[in-house]
Amino acid sequence: MTGYSVPGGTQLRVVFASLMTGAAVVALCACGFLGWKLVHDGPILAAQRDTVGRERAEFDRDRRVGEYRDRAREAAEATAVTMTSIDSGNIDESFAKILASSTGEFKDEFGKSSVQLRQLLIDNQATAVGKVVASAVQSDTIGESEQQVVVLLMVDQSISNKARPDPRIDKSRMKMTMQLVDGHWLAGKLEYL
């Protein structure tokens, strides 16, 4: 034999019980530490979650506002091109497009002046082609009750008529207030600068 005695059944039970008790004490200490950590760090984690939630909401709002501003600017550009591109041969169609892309004050003013303008354009056989050179959003009221975006536009318009058949370039600067109406951006106000 080697000189080592084999532990008896009682000794094995004592060793096993000691190991189990030690494991239970370690597990209880770990649970106690984790519980203390949760109580200690819980408010910090809750504050971090709240901060992340607020930042996410701000990010979503900023993204949505950016998309609205882009759509309003694009609609303003399209309206400016429609307004400055006129062919006396199909003037009624052009005017209908302008009225369809407008609302409020601008629509009322254009409706009143369009009768005289129509006849003037037909009599002079006028043709114009507009092109937006630059545009930028000046301000917005997105998120408020009346959603508006003010767009600044630089438009070059090539104009010819029976008196001047060679086109000349007219440079226009305008401020167009776009309003969100039933999901569509419409020109509500127009100012020449």
N, C-alpha and C. Protein backbone atom coordinates (compact mmCIF):
# COMPACT_ATOMS: atom_id res chain seq x y z
N MET A 1 0.82 -1.18 0.00
CA MET A 1 0.00 0.00 0.00
C MET A 1 0.87 1.25 0.00
N THR A 2 0.24 2.34 -0.26
CA THR A 2 0.99 3.57 -0.44
C THR A 2 1.10 4.37 0.84
N GLY A 3 0.44 4.05 1.86
CA GLY A 3 0.51 4.76 3.11
C GLY A 3 -0.63 5.74 3.30
N TYR A 4 -1.45 5.89 2.31
CA TYR A 4 -2.61 6.78 2.44
C TYR A 4 -3.80 5.95 2.78
N SER A 5 -4.59 6.47 3.70
CA SER A 5 -5.78 5.72 4.06
C SER A 5 -6.95 6.24 3.25
N VAL A 6 -7.80 5.38 2.85
CA VAL A 6 -8.99 5.74 2.09
C VAL A 6 -10.02 6.24 3.08
N PRO A 7 -10.58 7.43 2.84
CA PRO A 7 -11.54 7.97 3.79
C PRO A 7 -12.77 7.09 3.84
N GLY A 8 -13.33 7.04 4.97
CA GLY A 8 -14.53 6.25 5.15
C GLY A 8 -15.75 7.00 4.68
N GLY A 9 -16.90 6.37 4.75
CA GLY A 9 -18.15 6.96 4.30
C GLY A 9 -18.49 8.21 5.06
N THR A 10 -18.18 8.25 6.35
CA THR A 10 -18.52 9.40 7.17
C THR A 10 -17.66 10.58 6.77
N GLN A 11 -16.39 10.33 6.55
CA GLN A 11 -15.49 11.41 6.15
C GLN A 11 -15.89 11.99 4.79
N LEU A 12 -16.31 11.15 3.87
CA LEU A 12 -16.74 11.63 2.55
C LEU A 12 -17.96 12.53 2.68
N ARG A 13 -18.86 12.14 3.56
CA ARG A 13 -20.06 12.95 3.76
C ARG A 13 -19.71 14.31 4.35
N VAL A 14 -18.77 14.36 5.26
CA VAL A 14 -18.36 15.62 5.88
C VAL A 14 -17.70 16.52 4.84
N VAL A 15 -16.82 15.94 4.02
CA VAL A 15 -16.14 16.72 2.97
C VAL A 15 -17.18 17.25 1.97
N PHE A 16 -18.10 16.40 1.57
CA PHE A 16 -19.14 16.80 0.62
C PHE A 16 -20.02 17.90 1.21
N ALA A 17 -20.42 17.75 2.47
CA ALA A 17 -21.26 18.75 3.13
C ALA A 17 -20.50 20.07 3.25
N SER A 18 -19.21 20.01 3.54
CA SER A 18 -18.40 21.23 3.65
C SER A 18 -18.30 21.94 2.30
N LEU A 19 -18.09 21.16 1.23
CA LEU A 19 -18.02 21.75 -0.10
C LEU A 19 -19.36 22.38 -0.49
N MET A 20 -20.44 21.73 -0.19
CA MET A 20 -21.77 22.25 -0.51
C MET A 20 -22.05 23.51 0.29
N THR A 21 -21.68 23.51 1.56
CA THR A 21 -21.88 24.69 2.40
C THR A 21 -21.05 25.85 1.87
N GLY A 22 -19.82 25.59 1.50
CA GLY A 22 -18.95 26.63 0.93
C GLY A 22 -19.54 27.18 -0.36
N ALA A 23 -20.04 26.29 -1.22
CA ALA A 23 -20.64 26.73 -2.48
C ALA A 23 -21.88 27.58 -2.21
N ALA A 24 -22.69 27.18 -1.22
CA ALA A 24 -23.89 27.95 -0.86
C ALA A 24 -23.51 29.33 -0.34
N VAL A 25 -22.47 29.41 0.49
CA VAL A 25 -22.02 30.70 1.03
C VAL A 25 -21.54 31.60 -0.11
N VAL A 26 -20.76 31.04 -1.05
CA VAL A 26 -20.28 31.81 -2.19
C VAL A 26 -21.46 32.30 -3.03
N ALA A 27 -22.44 31.41 -3.27
CA ALA A 27 -23.62 31.80 -4.06
C ALA A 27 -24.41 32.90 -3.35
N LEU A 28 -24.59 32.79 -2.03
CA LEU A 28 -25.30 33.83 -1.28
C LEU A 28 -24.55 35.15 -1.32
N CYS A 29 -23.23 35.10 -1.20
CA CYS A 29 -22.44 36.33 -1.28
C CYS A 29 -22.58 36.96 -2.67
N ALA A 30 -22.54 36.15 -3.71
CA ALA A 30 -22.68 36.67 -5.07
C ALA A 30 -24.06 37.30 -5.25
N CYS A 31 -25.11 36.62 -4.76
CA CYS A 31 -26.47 37.17 -4.85
C CYS A 31 -26.59 38.46 -4.07
N GLY A 32 -26.00 38.49 -2.89
CA GLY A 32 -26.03 39.71 -2.08
C GLY A 32 -25.33 40.86 -2.78
N PHE A 33 -24.17 40.57 -3.38
CA PHE A 33 -23.44 41.60 -4.10
C PHE A 33 -24.23 42.10 -5.30
N LEU A 34 -24.81 41.18 -6.06
CA LEU A 34 -25.60 41.57 -7.23
C LEU A 34 -26.84 42.37 -6.82
N GLY A 35 -27.47 41.98 -5.71
CA GLY A 35 -28.62 42.74 -5.20
C GLY A 35 -28.22 44.14 -4.79
N TRP A 36 -27.10 44.25 -4.08
CA TRP A 36 -26.61 45.57 -3.69
C TRP A 36 -26.28 46.41 -4.94
N LYS A 37 -25.66 45.78 -5.92
CA LYS A 37 -25.30 46.49 -7.16
C LYS A 37 -26.55 46.97 -7.88
N LEU A 38 -27.59 46.15 -7.90
CA LEU A 38 -28.85 46.53 -8.55
C LEU A 38 -29.49 47.72 -7.83
N VAL A 39 -29.50 47.66 -6.49
CA VAL A 39 -30.08 48.77 -5.72
C VAL A 39 -29.24 50.03 -5.92
N HIS A 40 -27.94 49.87 -5.92
CA HIS A 40 -27.05 51.02 -6.07
C HIS A 40 -27.08 51.59 -7.50
N ASP A 41 -27.02 50.72 -8.51
CA ASP A 41 -26.94 51.17 -9.90
C ASP A 41 -28.30 51.33 -10.57
N GLY A 42 -29.36 50.85 -9.95
CA GLY A 42 -30.70 50.92 -10.55
C GLY A 42 -31.11 52.32 -10.96
N PRO A 43 -31.02 53.31 -10.06
CA PRO A 43 -31.38 54.68 -10.46
C PRO A 43 -30.49 55.23 -11.58
N ILE A 44 -29.23 54.87 -11.55
CA ILE A 44 -28.32 55.33 -12.60
C ILE A 44 -28.73 54.73 -13.94
N LEU A 45 -29.01 53.42 -13.95
CA LEU A 45 -29.43 52.77 -15.18
C LEU A 45 -30.76 53.32 -15.68
N ALA A 46 -31.68 53.59 -14.75
CA ALA A 46 -32.98 54.15 -15.13
C ALA A 46 -32.79 55.53 -15.75
N ALA A 47 -31.91 56.33 -15.16
CA ALA A 47 -31.64 57.67 -15.71
C ALA A 47 -31.01 57.56 -17.09
N GLN A 48 -30.11 56.59 -17.26
CA GLN A 48 -29.50 56.39 -18.57
C GLN A 48 -30.54 55.97 -19.60
N ARG A 49 -31.46 55.08 -19.21
CA ARG A 49 -32.52 54.66 -20.13
C ARG A 49 -33.40 55.84 -20.51
N ASP A 50 -33.73 56.69 -19.52
CA ASP A 50 -34.54 57.87 -19.81
C ASP A 50 -33.81 58.81 -20.76
N THR A 51 -32.52 59.01 -20.52
CA THR A 51 -31.73 59.88 -21.39
C THR A 51 -31.67 59.33 -22.81
N VAL A 52 -31.44 58.04 -22.92
CA VAL A 52 -31.40 57.41 -24.24
C VAL A 52 -32.76 57.54 -24.93
N GLY A 53 -33.83 57.36 -24.18
CA GLY A 53 -35.18 57.51 -24.74
C GLY A 53 -35.44 58.92 -25.24
N ARG A 54 -35.03 59.92 -24.45
CA ARG A 54 -35.21 61.32 -24.86
C ARG A 54 -34.36 61.63 -26.09
N GLU A 55 -33.11 61.15 -26.08
CA GLU A 55 -32.23 61.40 -27.23
C GLU A 55 -32.78 60.74 -28.48
N ARG A 56 -33.34 59.55 -28.33
CA ARG A 56 -33.93 58.85 -29.48
C ARG A 56 -35.13 59.63 -30.02
N ALA A 57 -35.97 60.13 -29.11
CA ALA A 57 -37.14 60.91 -29.52
C ALA A 57 -36.70 62.20 -30.23
N GLU A 58 -35.67 62.86 -29.71
CA GLU A 58 -35.15 64.08 -30.36
C GLU A 58 -34.57 63.75 -31.73
N PHE A 59 -33.85 62.63 -31.82
CA PHE A 59 -33.28 62.21 -33.10
C PHE A 59 -34.39 61.94 -34.11
N ASP A 60 -35.43 61.20 -33.69
CA ASP A 60 -36.55 60.91 -34.59
C ASP A 60 -37.25 62.19 -35.03
N ARG A 61 -37.44 63.13 -34.09
CA ARG A 61 -38.08 64.41 -34.45
C ARG A 61 -37.21 65.19 -35.43
N ASP A 62 -35.90 65.26 -35.17
CA ASP A 62 -35.01 65.98 -36.07
C ASP A 62 -35.00 65.35 -37.47
N ARG A 63 -35.02 64.02 -37.52
CA ARG A 63 -35.04 63.33 -38.81
C ARG A 63 -36.34 63.64 -39.55
N ARG A 64 -37.46 63.59 -38.82
CA ARG A 64 -38.77 63.87 -39.42
C ARG A 64 -38.83 65.33 -39.90
N VAL A 65 -38.33 66.26 -39.09
CA VAL A 65 -38.31 67.67 -39.48
C VAL A 65 -37.44 67.85 -40.72
N GLY A 66 -36.30 67.19 -40.75
CA GLY A 66 -35.42 67.27 -41.93
C GLY A 66 -36.10 66.76 -43.18
N GLU A 67 -36.83 65.65 -43.05
CA GLU A 67 -37.56 65.10 -44.20
C GLU A 67 -38.65 66.07 -44.65
N TYR A 68 -39.39 66.65 -43.70
CA TYR A 68 -40.43 67.62 -44.03
C TYR A 68 -39.82 68.82 -44.75
N ARG A 69 -38.72 69.32 -44.22
CA ARG A 69 -38.07 70.49 -44.84
C ARG A 69 -37.63 70.17 -46.26
N ASP A 70 -37.05 68.98 -46.46
CA ASP A 70 -36.62 68.58 -47.80
C ASP A 70 -37.80 68.48 -48.76
N ARG A 71 -38.88 67.85 -48.31
CA ARG A 71 -40.07 67.71 -49.17
C ARG A 71 -40.67 69.08 -49.49
N ALA A 72 -40.72 69.96 -48.51
CA ALA A 72 -41.27 71.30 -48.73
C ALA A 72 -40.39 72.08 -49.72
N ARG A 73 -39.08 71.97 -49.57
CA ARG A 73 -38.16 72.66 -50.49
C ARG A 73 -38.32 72.12 -51.91
N GLU A 74 -38.42 70.79 -52.04
CA GLU A 74 -38.61 70.19 -53.36
C GLU A 74 -39.93 70.64 -53.99
N ALA A 75 -40.99 70.70 -53.18
CA ALA A 75 -42.29 71.16 -53.68
C ALA A 75 -42.22 72.63 -54.08
N ALA A 76 -41.50 73.44 -53.31
CA ALA A 76 -41.35 74.86 -53.64
C ALA A 76 -40.59 75.02 -54.96
N GLU A 77 -39.55 74.22 -55.15
CA GLU A 77 -38.81 74.27 -56.41
C GLU A 77 -39.71 73.90 -57.59
N ALA A 78 -40.49 72.83 -57.43
CA ALA A 78 -41.40 72.41 -58.51
C ALA A 78 -42.44 73.48 -58.80
N THR A 79 -42.98 74.10 -57.75
CA THR A 79 -43.97 75.16 -57.94
C THR A 79 -43.34 76.37 -58.63
N ALA A 80 -42.12 76.73 -58.25
CA ALA A 80 -41.44 77.86 -58.88
C ALA A 80 -41.20 77.60 -60.36
N VAL A 81 -40.80 76.39 -60.70
CA VAL A 81 -40.60 76.04 -62.11
C VAL A 81 -41.93 76.10 -62.86
N THR A 82 -42.99 75.58 -62.25
CA THR A 82 -44.31 75.63 -62.88
C THR A 82 -44.76 77.07 -63.09
N MET A 83 -44.53 77.92 -62.11
CA MET A 83 -44.94 79.33 -62.21
C MET A 83 -44.15 80.09 -63.26
N THR A 84 -42.90 79.76 -63.43
CA THR A 84 -42.04 80.53 -64.33
C THR A 84 -41.88 79.89 -65.70
N SER A 85 -42.51 78.76 -65.92
CA SER A 85 -42.47 78.10 -67.23
C SER A 85 -43.87 78.16 -67.83
N ILE A 86 -44.05 79.10 -68.75
CA ILE A 86 -45.37 79.35 -69.32
C ILE A 86 -45.27 79.29 -70.84
N ASP A 87 -46.24 78.66 -71.45
CA ASP A 87 -46.35 78.65 -72.91
C ASP A 87 -47.74 79.16 -73.24
N SER A 88 -47.82 80.25 -73.99
CA SER A 88 -49.13 80.84 -74.30
C SER A 88 -50.01 79.87 -75.08
N GLY A 89 -49.42 78.83 -75.66
CA GLY A 89 -50.21 77.84 -76.40
C GLY A 89 -51.01 76.91 -75.49
N ASN A 90 -50.56 76.67 -74.29
CA ASN A 90 -51.31 75.82 -73.34
C ASN A 90 -51.34 76.47 -71.96
N ILE A 91 -51.75 77.70 -71.95
CA ILE A 91 -51.74 78.49 -70.72
C ILE A 91 -52.73 77.99 -69.68
N ASP A 92 -53.87 77.48 -70.13
CA ASP A 92 -54.87 76.99 -69.17
C ASP A 92 -54.32 75.81 -68.37
N GLU A 93 -53.59 74.94 -69.03
CA GLU A 93 -52.98 73.80 -68.33
C GLU A 93 -51.94 74.29 -67.32
N SER A 94 -51.13 75.26 -67.72
CA SER A 94 -50.11 75.81 -66.81
C SER A 94 -50.76 76.45 -65.60
N PHE A 95 -51.80 77.24 -65.82
CA PHE A 95 -52.48 77.90 -64.71
C PHE A 95 -53.15 76.89 -63.79
N ALA A 96 -53.70 75.83 -64.35
CA ALA A 96 -54.33 74.79 -63.53
C ALA A 96 -53.29 74.12 -62.63
N LYS A 97 -52.08 73.89 -63.16
CA LYS A 97 -51.01 73.30 -62.35
C LYS A 97 -50.60 74.23 -61.21
N ILE A 98 -50.53 75.52 -61.51
CA ILE A 98 -50.16 76.50 -60.48
C ILE A 98 -51.22 76.51 -59.38
N LEU A 99 -52.48 76.54 -59.76
CA LEU A 99 -53.56 76.55 -58.77
C LEU A 99 -53.59 75.26 -57.97
N ALA A 100 -53.27 74.13 -58.61
CA ALA A 100 -53.27 72.84 -57.91
C ALA A 100 -52.14 72.76 -56.88
N SER A 101 -51.07 73.52 -57.09
CA SER A 101 -49.94 73.45 -56.16
C SER A 101 -49.92 74.64 -55.20
N SER A 102 -51.08 75.32 -55.06
CA SER A 102 -51.13 76.48 -54.17
C SER A 102 -52.32 76.40 -53.23
N THR A 103 -52.27 77.25 -52.22
CA THR A 103 -53.34 77.31 -51.22
C THR A 103 -53.37 78.71 -50.61
N GLY A 104 -54.41 79.01 -49.88
CA GLY A 104 -54.48 80.23 -49.09
C GLY A 104 -54.32 81.52 -49.87
N GLU A 105 -53.54 82.42 -49.28
CA GLU A 105 -53.35 83.77 -49.83
C GLU A 105 -52.82 83.74 -51.26
N PHE A 106 -51.82 82.90 -51.52
CA PHE A 106 -51.24 82.84 -52.85
C PHE A 106 -52.26 82.36 -53.88
N LYS A 107 -53.01 81.36 -53.54
CA LYS A 107 -54.02 80.83 -54.47
C LYS A 107 -55.07 81.90 -54.77
N ASP A 108 -55.51 82.62 -53.75
CA ASP A 108 -56.50 83.69 -53.95
C ASP A 108 -55.95 84.79 -54.86
N GLU A 109 -54.73 85.24 -54.57
CA GLU A 109 -54.13 86.31 -55.38
C GLU A 109 -53.92 85.88 -56.82
N PHE A 110 -53.42 84.66 -57.01
CA PHE A 110 -53.17 84.19 -58.36
C PHE A 110 -54.49 84.01 -59.11
N GLY A 111 -55.50 83.49 -58.43
CA GLY A 111 -56.81 83.33 -59.07
C GLY A 111 -57.38 84.66 -59.56
N LYS A 112 -57.20 85.72 -58.78
CA LYS A 112 -57.71 87.05 -59.15
C LYS A 112 -56.93 87.64 -60.33
N SER A 113 -55.61 87.51 -60.31
CA SER A 113 -54.80 88.14 -61.35
C SER A 113 -54.64 87.29 -62.60
N SER A 114 -55.01 86.03 -62.56
CA SER A 114 -54.74 85.13 -63.68
C SER A 114 -55.54 85.49 -64.94
N VAL A 115 -56.71 86.09 -64.80
CA VAL A 115 -57.52 86.44 -65.98
C VAL A 115 -56.78 87.47 -66.83
N GLN A 116 -56.31 88.54 -66.19
CA GLN A 116 -55.57 89.58 -66.93
C GLN A 116 -54.24 89.05 -67.44
N LEU A 117 -53.54 88.29 -66.60
CA LEU A 117 -52.25 87.73 -66.98
C LEU A 117 -52.40 86.79 -68.17
N ARG A 118 -53.42 85.98 -68.14
CA ARG A 118 -53.68 85.02 -69.22
C ARG A 118 -53.80 85.75 -70.55
N GLN A 119 -54.61 86.78 -70.59
CA GLN A 119 -54.83 87.51 -71.84
C GLN A 119 -53.55 88.21 -72.30
N LEU A 120 -52.80 88.77 -71.38
CA LEU A 120 -51.54 89.44 -71.71
C LEU A 120 -50.55 88.46 -72.33
N LEU A 121 -50.45 87.27 -71.75
CA LEU A 121 -49.53 86.26 -72.27
C LEU A 121 -49.96 85.78 -73.66
N ILE A 122 -51.25 85.60 -73.86
CA ILE A 122 -51.76 85.15 -75.16
C ILE A 122 -51.53 86.24 -76.22
N ASP A 123 -51.87 87.48 -75.88
CA ASP A 123 -51.72 88.58 -76.84
C ASP A 123 -50.27 88.76 -77.28
N ASN A 124 -49.34 88.56 -76.37
CA ASN A 124 -47.91 88.74 -76.67
C ASN A 124 -47.23 87.46 -77.12
N GLN A 125 -47.97 86.37 -77.19
CA GLN A 125 -47.41 85.06 -77.56
C GLN A 125 -46.15 84.78 -76.74
N ALA A 126 -46.29 84.93 -75.46
CA ALA A 126 -45.15 84.79 -74.55
C ALA A 126 -44.85 83.33 -74.24
N THR A 127 -43.57 83.08 -74.12
CA THR A 127 -43.09 81.76 -73.71
C THR A 127 -41.98 82.00 -72.69
N ALA A 128 -42.01 81.23 -71.63
CA ALA A 128 -40.99 81.35 -70.58
C ALA A 128 -40.64 79.97 -70.07
N VAL A 129 -39.37 79.80 -69.77
CA VAL A 129 -38.89 78.55 -69.18
C VAL A 129 -38.09 78.92 -67.94
N GLY A 130 -38.55 78.42 -66.80
CA GLY A 130 -37.90 78.73 -65.54
C GLY A 130 -37.02 77.59 -65.06
N LYS A 131 -35.98 77.98 -64.33
CA LYS A 131 -35.05 76.99 -63.77
C LYS A 131 -34.62 77.48 -62.39
N VAL A 132 -34.75 76.62 -61.39
CA VAL A 132 -34.31 76.97 -60.04
C VAL A 132 -32.79 76.82 -60.00
N VAL A 133 -32.12 77.93 -59.70
CA VAL A 133 -30.66 77.94 -59.63
C VAL A 133 -30.19 77.51 -58.25
N ALA A 134 -30.91 77.97 -57.22
CA ALA A 134 -30.55 77.61 -55.84
C ALA A 134 -31.79 77.76 -54.97
N SER A 135 -31.80 76.99 -53.89
CA SER A 135 -32.89 77.09 -52.93
C SER A 135 -32.37 76.70 -51.55
N ALA A 136 -33.05 77.23 -50.55
CA ALA A 136 -32.67 76.91 -49.17
C ALA A 136 -33.87 77.15 -48.27
N VAL A 137 -33.95 76.37 -47.21
CA VAL A 137 -35.01 76.57 -46.22
C VAL A 137 -34.57 77.67 -45.28
N GLN A 138 -35.43 78.69 -45.14
CA GLN A 138 -35.13 79.79 -44.22
C GLN A 138 -35.60 79.47 -42.81
N SER A 139 -36.81 78.93 -42.69
CA SER A 139 -37.36 78.62 -41.36
C SER A 139 -38.49 77.61 -41.51
N ASP A 140 -38.91 77.08 -40.36
CA ASP A 140 -40.04 76.16 -40.37
C ASP A 140 -40.80 76.26 -39.06
N THR A 141 -42.04 75.81 -39.10
CA THR A 141 -42.87 75.70 -37.89
C THR A 141 -43.41 74.28 -37.80
N ILE A 142 -42.58 73.32 -38.11
CA ILE A 142 -42.99 71.92 -38.07
C ILE A 142 -43.15 71.50 -36.62
N GLY A 143 -44.23 70.79 -36.35
CA GLY A 143 -44.52 70.36 -34.99
C GLY A 143 -45.51 71.27 -34.31
N GLU A 144 -45.79 72.41 -34.90
CA GLU A 144 -46.78 73.32 -34.35
C GLU A 144 -48.11 73.07 -35.06
N SER A 145 -49.14 73.80 -34.66
CA SER A 145 -50.47 73.54 -35.21
C SER A 145 -50.51 73.77 -36.72
N GLU A 146 -49.90 74.84 -37.20
CA GLU A 146 -49.86 75.11 -38.64
C GLU A 146 -48.45 74.83 -39.12
N GLN A 147 -48.29 73.77 -39.90
CA GLN A 147 -46.97 73.37 -40.33
C GLN A 147 -46.59 74.10 -41.61
N GLN A 148 -45.54 74.92 -41.51
CA GLN A 148 -45.09 75.73 -42.63
C GLN A 148 -43.57 75.65 -42.75
N VAL A 149 -43.10 75.81 -43.98
CA VAL A 149 -41.68 75.91 -44.24
C VAL A 149 -41.49 77.09 -45.20
N VAL A 150 -40.61 78.01 -44.83
CA VAL A 150 -40.31 79.16 -45.69
C VAL A 150 -39.06 78.82 -46.50
N VAL A 151 -39.20 78.90 -47.83
CA VAL A 151 -38.12 78.52 -48.74
C VAL A 151 -37.69 79.74 -49.55
N LEU A 152 -36.39 79.96 -49.61
CA LEU A 152 -35.83 81.02 -50.45
C LEU A 152 -35.39 80.40 -51.77
N LEU A 153 -35.75 81.05 -52.87
CA LEU A 153 -35.47 80.48 -54.20
C LEU A 153 -34.80 81.52 -55.09
N MET A 154 -33.85 81.06 -55.87
CA MET A 154 -33.24 81.87 -56.93
C MET A 154 -33.63 81.19 -58.24
N VAL A 155 -34.35 81.93 -59.09
CA VAL A 155 -34.89 81.34 -60.32
C VAL A 155 -34.42 82.17 -61.52
N ASP A 156 -33.90 81.48 -62.52
CA ASP A 156 -33.60 82.12 -63.80
C ASP A 156 -34.71 81.74 -64.76
N GLN A 157 -35.22 82.74 -65.48
CA GLN A 157 -36.35 82.53 -66.38
C GLN A 157 -35.96 83.06 -67.77
N SER A 158 -36.01 82.19 -68.75
CA SER A 158 -35.75 82.57 -70.14
C SER A 158 -37.09 82.96 -70.76
N ILE A 159 -37.20 84.23 -71.19
CA ILE A 159 -38.48 84.76 -71.66
C ILE A 159 -38.35 85.22 -73.11
N SER A 160 -39.34 84.86 -73.92
CA SER A 160 -39.42 85.37 -75.29
C SER A 160 -40.88 85.66 -75.60
N ASN A 161 -41.10 86.59 -76.54
CA ASN A 161 -42.46 86.91 -76.99
C ASN A 161 -42.39 87.40 -78.42
N LYS A 162 -43.54 87.78 -78.99
CA LYS A 162 -43.55 88.16 -80.40
C LYS A 162 -42.76 89.45 -80.64
N ALA A 163 -42.69 90.34 -79.66
CA ALA A 163 -41.91 91.56 -79.81
C ALA A 163 -40.42 91.31 -79.67
N ARG A 164 -40.05 90.32 -78.86
CA ARG A 164 -38.64 89.96 -78.62
C ARG A 164 -38.48 88.47 -78.77
N PRO A 165 -38.32 87.97 -79.97
CA PRO A 165 -38.23 86.52 -80.15
C PRO A 165 -36.95 85.91 -79.57
N ASP A 166 -35.89 86.71 -79.45
CA ASP A 166 -34.66 86.18 -78.83
C ASP A 166 -34.85 86.16 -77.32
N PRO A 167 -34.65 84.99 -76.71
CA PRO A 167 -34.89 84.89 -75.26
C PRO A 167 -33.95 85.79 -74.46
N ARG A 168 -34.49 86.35 -73.40
CA ARG A 168 -33.68 87.10 -72.44
C ARG A 168 -33.84 86.41 -71.09
N ILE A 169 -32.83 86.56 -70.27
CA ILE A 169 -32.86 85.91 -68.95
C ILE A 169 -33.30 86.92 -67.90
N ASP A 170 -34.30 86.53 -67.15
CA ASP A 170 -34.79 87.33 -66.02
C ASP A 170 -34.45 86.56 -64.75
N LYS A 171 -33.77 87.21 -63.84
CA LYS A 171 -33.38 86.55 -62.58
C LYS A 171 -34.35 86.98 -61.49
N SER A 172 -34.98 86.01 -60.87
CA SER A 172 -35.95 86.30 -59.81
C SER A 172 -35.48 85.68 -58.50
N ARG A 173 -35.73 86.40 -57.44
CA ARG A 173 -35.47 85.89 -56.10
C ARG A 173 -36.79 85.93 -55.37
N MET A 174 -37.16 84.83 -54.78
CA MET A 174 -38.46 84.77 -54.12
C MET A 174 -38.40 84.04 -52.80
N LYS A 175 -39.37 84.37 -51.97
CA LYS A 175 -39.57 83.69 -50.69
C LYS A 175 -40.95 83.05 -50.77
N MET A 176 -40.98 81.72 -50.69
CA MET A 176 -42.23 80.98 -50.82
C MET A 176 -42.52 80.27 -49.50
N THR A 177 -43.70 80.54 -48.96
CA THR A 177 -44.12 79.87 -47.73
C THR A 177 -44.94 78.65 -48.12
N MET A 178 -44.43 77.48 -47.78
CA MET A 178 -45.10 76.22 -48.09
C MET A 178 -45.89 75.76 -46.87
N GLN A 179 -47.11 75.29 -47.13
CA GLN A 179 -47.97 74.82 -46.04
C GLN A 179 -48.33 73.36 -46.30
N LEU A 180 -48.33 72.57 -45.24
CA LEU A 180 -48.69 71.16 -45.35
C LEU A 180 -50.21 71.05 -45.27
N VAL A 181 -50.82 70.64 -46.39
CA VAL A 181 -52.28 70.51 -46.48
C VAL A 181 -52.59 69.09 -46.95
N ASP A 182 -53.24 68.33 -46.09
CA ASP A 182 -53.63 66.95 -46.42
C ASP A 182 -52.45 66.13 -46.95
N GLY A 183 -51.30 66.30 -46.32
CA GLY A 183 -50.12 65.51 -46.69
C GLY A 183 -49.35 66.05 -47.89
N HIS A 184 -49.77 67.19 -48.44
CA HIS A 184 -49.10 67.78 -49.61
C HIS A 184 -48.58 69.17 -49.25
N TRP A 185 -47.38 69.47 -49.72
CA TRP A 185 -46.82 70.80 -49.51
C TRP A 185 -47.30 71.71 -50.63
N LEU A 186 -48.02 72.78 -50.26
CA LEU A 186 -48.58 73.72 -51.22
C LEU A 186 -48.07 75.13 -50.92
N ALA A 187 -47.92 75.93 -51.97
CA ALA A 187 -47.47 77.31 -51.81
C ALA A 187 -48.61 78.14 -51.24
N GLY A 188 -48.39 78.71 -50.06
CA GLY A 188 -49.41 79.51 -49.40
C GLY A 188 -49.17 81.00 -49.51
N LYS A 189 -47.91 81.37 -49.76
CA LYS A 189 -47.59 82.80 -49.85
C LYS A 189 -46.34 82.93 -50.71
N LEU A 190 -46.29 84.00 -51.51
CA LEU A 190 -45.14 84.24 -52.37
C LEU A 190 -44.75 85.70 -52.27
N GLU A 191 -43.47 85.94 -52.03
CA GLU A 191 -42.93 87.29 -52.00
C GLU A 191 -41.72 87.34 -52.92
N TYR A 192 -41.68 88.36 -53.77
CA TYR A 192 -40.49 88.58 -54.59
C TYR A 192 -39.53 89.44 -53.79
N LEU A 193 -38.27 89.05 -53.79
CA LEU A 193 -37.25 89.78 -53.01
C LEU A 193 -36.41 90.67 -53.91
